[in-house]
Every structure is written in C-alpha cells, then in structure tokens.
C-alpha cells in the first residue's frame, strides 16, 4: 500500500520522467523556439539581472511559458515534511535537513522555486526570497537581453527588449536590421514575455 507522501513523490518522479522524454521535441526543450540552446557556450549567469545572449538560451531545465505550471505555492500549515514542505525533492536549510553539498531549496513553500530550475515566465510571488530567482542561485538571470539599441556593428544579430520588463512581464521585443550604408534600425517588434531563473 502506498501512502499519500509516497504518491506525491511518485507523481513528481513521473513528471520528471515525462519532462525528460519530451525534451527532444520541438518547442519543448529548455530553450525557446529559434534559439540554439546555448550550443556555443556563450550563455551567461553573471550578476543579477544579466540576460542570456540572444539565441543562447540554455537548455538546463524546462522552459515553461504562457502560464504552464511546474508546481505552485504550498500552505505552510499543511506541511507534512518539515525538510521538504513543497514536495519538490529539495530540502530546506533547517537544522538536520539539507546535508553537506546538497543543494538547498531557498523557498520551501513554492515547488517552482528550487535548485536547477530552468527559465520560467511566471510573475514571481512577492513572498519569494528573491523574486525572479527561480533556481535558488542568488541571482535573477533574465532569458532575453534588455534595453536593446539598434546600432552598427553586428546590426543584423541585435535583438532584445526595448526596455527592461520584469520577470513574467510582457514587453516589446525588437529585432534590428541594416537599412543602408552605416544605418541600423528596428526591423520587427513583437510582444514577448520575459522569463527568468
């Protein structure tokens, strides 16, 4: 007989297995459509708020868009495991929970916020220790470049948000292109959601 806690853990294992099984299908990889998945190794996690270079979205974890859900907030009063209240299989930093080099869950009341989490385009809960830091590394890493300015020098490869939308917010995403000798301007503009990890 399987108890409720074991059923919950088995559900997470099934979710992880199905996520891996789908990871090679177009549009379901860790990288959004049109990116190279960071194949050239130029993706950056440096400093809070830095964006991944255009076309270099890493593929380490699910990229959940348009309100997809990988869990959610847990009521602390209903917690059945004081070391893993949200059931995401990562332990919190309470005494006797995470041991040695185990990665620590920085928000044990939200299963979406955990070590190794990929990019999410949800609006972060205000109660999060560092809103937008979905992967507990202490940084808010944005998927798409921000404050893009079309200028000469690799004009055709420049793209990003024209402003700096918050994690989970929608903004104008521009793509630049040459318009003549030594001229560069916005060629396309689309609405896009900023994802973070």
Protein backbone atom coordinates (compact mmCIF):
# COMPACT_ATOMS: atom_id res chain seq x y z
CA UNK A 1 0.00 0.00 0.00
CA UNK A 2 1.34 3.43 -0.98
CA UNK A 3 0.75 6.34 1.42
CA UNK A 4 -0.06 9.94 0.41
CA UNK A 5 3.54 11.12 0.75
CA UNK A 6 4.85 8.29 -1.46
CA UNK A 7 2.12 9.00 -4.05
CA UNK A 8 3.18 12.66 -4.11
CA UNK A 9 6.84 11.74 -4.66
CA UNK A 10 5.90 9.20 -7.34
CA UNK A 11 3.90 11.94 -9.08
CA UNK A 12 6.99 14.18 -9.15
CA UNK A 13 9.10 11.34 -10.47
CA UNK A 14 6.55 10.72 -13.24
CA UNK A 15 6.58 14.46 -14.06
CA UNK A 16 10.39 14.46 -14.27
CA UNK A 17 10.44 11.34 -16.47
CA UNK A 18 7.83 12.78 -18.85
CA UNK A 19 9.71 16.11 -18.99
CA UNK A 20 12.88 14.27 -19.99
CA UNK A 21 11.01 12.14 -22.51
CA UNK A 22 9.60 15.28 -24.15
CA UNK A 23 12.81 17.28 -24.02
CA UNK A 24 13.79 16.40 -27.59
CA UNK A 25 10.52 17.53 -29.15
CA UNK A 26 10.49 20.91 -30.94
CA UNK A 27 9.24 23.69 -28.70
CA UNK A 28 9.54 21.62 -25.51
CA UNK A 29 13.25 21.89 -24.88
CA UNK A 30 14.76 24.17 -22.28
CA UNK A 31 15.45 26.71 -25.00
CA UNK A 32 12.66 28.70 -26.60
CA UNK A 33 11.98 28.20 -30.30
CA UNK A 34 14.56 29.80 -32.55
CA UNK A 35 17.47 29.55 -30.13
CA UNK A 36 20.49 27.32 -30.45
CA UNK A 37 20.18 26.07 -26.86
CA UNK A 38 23.46 27.70 -25.84
CA UNK A 39 25.42 25.39 -28.09
CA UNK A 40 28.27 27.85 -28.46
CA UNK A 41 28.70 28.04 -24.68
CA UNK A 42 28.28 31.82 -24.53
CA UNK A 43 25.30 31.84 -22.16
CA UNK A 44 25.98 33.90 -19.06
CA UNK A 45 24.77 33.71 -15.49
CA UNK A 46 26.82 36.70 -14.36
CA UNK A 47 25.45 39.32 -11.97
CA UNK A 48 21.82 39.91 -11.04
CA UNK A 49 19.70 40.99 -13.98
CA UNK A 50 22.15 39.99 -16.73
CA UNK A 51 20.48 38.41 -19.74
CA UNK A 52 21.47 35.41 -21.76
CA UNK A 53 22.94 36.45 -25.11
CA UNK A 54 20.44 36.50 -27.95
CA UNK A 55 19.93 33.00 -29.35
CA UNK A 56 21.82 31.35 -26.49
CA UNK A 57 19.06 30.21 -24.16
CA UNK A 58 20.44 27.31 -22.15
CA UNK A 59 18.61 24.01 -22.14
CA UNK A 60 19.12 23.10 -18.49
CA UNK A 61 15.58 22.59 -17.30
CA UNK A 62 12.09 23.13 -18.58
CA UNK A 63 11.15 26.44 -20.16
CA UNK A 64 7.56 26.91 -19.08
CA UNK A 65 5.64 29.59 -20.91
CA UNK A 66 2.18 31.08 -21.05
CA UNK A 67 1.19 30.11 -17.53
CA UNK A 68 2.28 26.47 -17.71
CA UNK A 69 2.75 25.07 -14.23
CA UNK A 70 5.52 23.05 -12.63
CA UNK A 71 4.04 23.21 -9.17
CA UNK A 72 2.99 26.07 -7.03
CA UNK A 73 2.73 27.55 -3.60
CA UNK A 74 2.14 25.38 -0.57
CA UNK A 75 0.36 26.32 2.63
CA UNK A 76 2.98 26.03 5.37
CA UNK A 77 0.32 24.94 7.87
CA UNK A 78 -0.39 21.85 5.73
CA UNK A 79 3.28 20.84 5.57
CA UNK A 80 3.82 17.11 6.21
CA UNK A 81 7.61 17.05 5.74
CA UNK A 82 9.46 19.78 7.66
CA UNK A 83 12.53 19.31 5.41
CA UNK A 84 10.63 19.41 2.07
CA UNK A 85 7.33 21.16 2.66
CA UNK A 86 6.57 21.81 -1.03
CA UNK A 87 7.42 18.26 -2.14
CA UNK A 88 9.91 19.29 -4.86
CA UNK A 89 12.53 16.80 -3.58
CA UNK A 90 14.92 19.59 -2.46
CA UNK A 91 15.44 20.07 1.26
CA UNK A 92 15.38 23.42 3.04
CA UNK A 93 18.15 24.78 5.25
CA UNK A 94 16.53 23.97 8.60
CA UNK A 95 18.85 22.12 11.02
CA UNK A 96 19.04 18.42 10.16
CA UNK A 97 17.56 18.80 6.66
CA UNK A 98 20.00 19.53 3.79
CA UNK A 99 23.31 17.77 4.34
CA UNK A 100 26.82 18.54 3.10
CA UNK A 101 26.85 19.51 -0.55
CA UNK A 102 23.10 19.02 -1.13
CA UNK A 103 21.52 21.90 -2.98
CA UNK A 104 19.20 23.84 -0.69
CA UNK A 105 15.63 24.85 -1.54
CA UNK A 106 15.55 28.63 -0.99
CA UNK A 107 11.71 28.72 -0.83
CA UNK A 108 10.26 25.56 0.63
CA UNK A 109 6.70 26.84 0.24
CA UNK A 110 6.77 27.01 -3.58
CA UNK A 111 7.72 23.93 -5.60
CA UNK A 112 8.52 26.07 -8.67
CA UNK A 113 11.37 27.77 -6.78
CA UNK A 114 14.16 25.19 -6.38
CA UNK A 115 17.76 24.47 -7.34
CA UNK A 116 18.32 23.56 -11.01
CA UNK A 117 15.03 25.18 -12.11
CA UNK A 118 15.00 26.29 -15.73
CA UNK A 119 13.63 29.57 -17.05
CA UNK A 120 10.04 30.39 -16.10
CA UNK A 121 7.93 33.24 -17.38
CA UNK A 122 5.59 33.41 -14.40
CA UNK A 123 5.21 36.57 -12.36
CA UNK A 124 7.22 35.72 -9.25
CA UNK A 125 5.33 35.66 -5.95
CA UNK A 126 6.09 38.70 -3.78
CA UNK A 127 6.75 36.29 -0.89
CA UNK A 128 9.74 34.72 -2.70
CA UNK A 129 13.11 35.34 -1.01
CA UNK A 130 14.39 36.96 -4.23
CA UNK A 131 11.53 37.34 -6.75
CA UNK A 132 12.63 36.00 -10.15
CA UNK A 133 15.39 33.77 -8.76
CA UNK A 134 13.58 30.56 -9.64
CA UNK A 135 16.71 28.37 -9.37
CA UNK A 136 17.99 29.46 -5.92
CA UNK A 137 21.41 30.62 -7.14
CA UNK A 138 21.03 34.06 -5.55
CA UNK A 139 20.80 35.80 -8.95
CA UNK A 140 17.92 36.88 -11.16
CA UNK A 141 19.02 35.84 -14.65
CA UNK A 142 16.81 37.08 -17.46
CA UNK A 143 16.44 34.95 -20.58
CA UNK A 144 16.26 37.75 -23.15
CA UNK A 145 18.52 40.81 -23.49
CA UNK A 146 17.11 44.10 -22.24
CA UNK A 147 17.39 47.77 -23.24
CA UNK A 148 18.25 46.82 -26.83
CA UNK A 149 19.51 49.64 -29.04
CA UNK A 150 19.94 49.18 -32.76
CA UNK A 151 23.42 50.34 -33.71
CA UNK A 152 26.00 49.50 -36.34
CA UNK A 153 28.36 46.62 -35.75
CA UNK A 154 26.59 43.25 -35.99
CA UNK A 155 23.34 45.10 -36.63
CA UNK A 156 21.56 42.07 -38.08
CA UNK A 157 22.21 39.99 -34.96
CA UNK A 158 20.98 42.56 -32.43
CA UNK A 159 17.68 41.88 -30.69
CA UNK A 160 16.09 42.13 -27.27
CA UNK A 161 13.52 44.05 -25.27
CA UNK A 162 13.41 47.78 -25.98
CA UNK A 163 13.03 48.28 -22.21
CA UNK A 164 13.63 46.09 -19.17
CA UNK A 165 10.43 44.17 -18.36
CA UNK A 166 10.25 42.43 -15.00
CA UNK A 167 10.23 38.65 -14.77
CA UNK A 168 6.92 37.37 -16.12
CA UNK A 169 6.02 40.73 -17.69
CA UNK A 170 5.27 41.36 -21.36
CA UNK A 171 7.31 43.91 -23.30
CA UNK A 172 8.25 44.98 -26.80
CA UNK A 173 10.91 42.64 -28.22
CA UNK A 174 12.75 44.22 -31.16
CA UNK A 175 14.94 42.79 -33.91
CA UNK A 176 17.38 45.13 -35.63
CA UNK A 177 18.47 45.20 -39.24
CA UNK A 178 20.58 47.31 -41.61
CA UNK A 179 18.77 49.95 -43.68
CA UNK A 180 21.58 51.24 -45.81
CA UNK A 181 25.18 52.23 -45.57
CA UNK A 182 26.08 52.62 -41.88
CA UNK A 183 22.45 52.64 -40.77
CA UNK A 184 20.71 50.23 -38.39
CA UNK A 185 17.11 50.35 -37.20
CA UNK A 186 14.31 48.28 -35.68
CA UNK A 187 13.02 45.84 -38.32
CA UNK A 188 10.42 43.94 -36.28
CA UNK A 189 8.66 44.41 -32.96
CA UNK A 190 6.65 41.74 -31.16
CA UNK A 191 5.13 41.29 -27.71
CA UNK A 192 7.09 38.76 -25.66
CA UNK A 193 7.18 37.66 -22.03
CA UNK A 194 10.44 37.92 -20.08
CA UNK A 195 11.45 34.63 -18.48
CA UNK A 196 13.86 34.36 -15.56
CA UNK A 197 15.64 31.79 -13.45
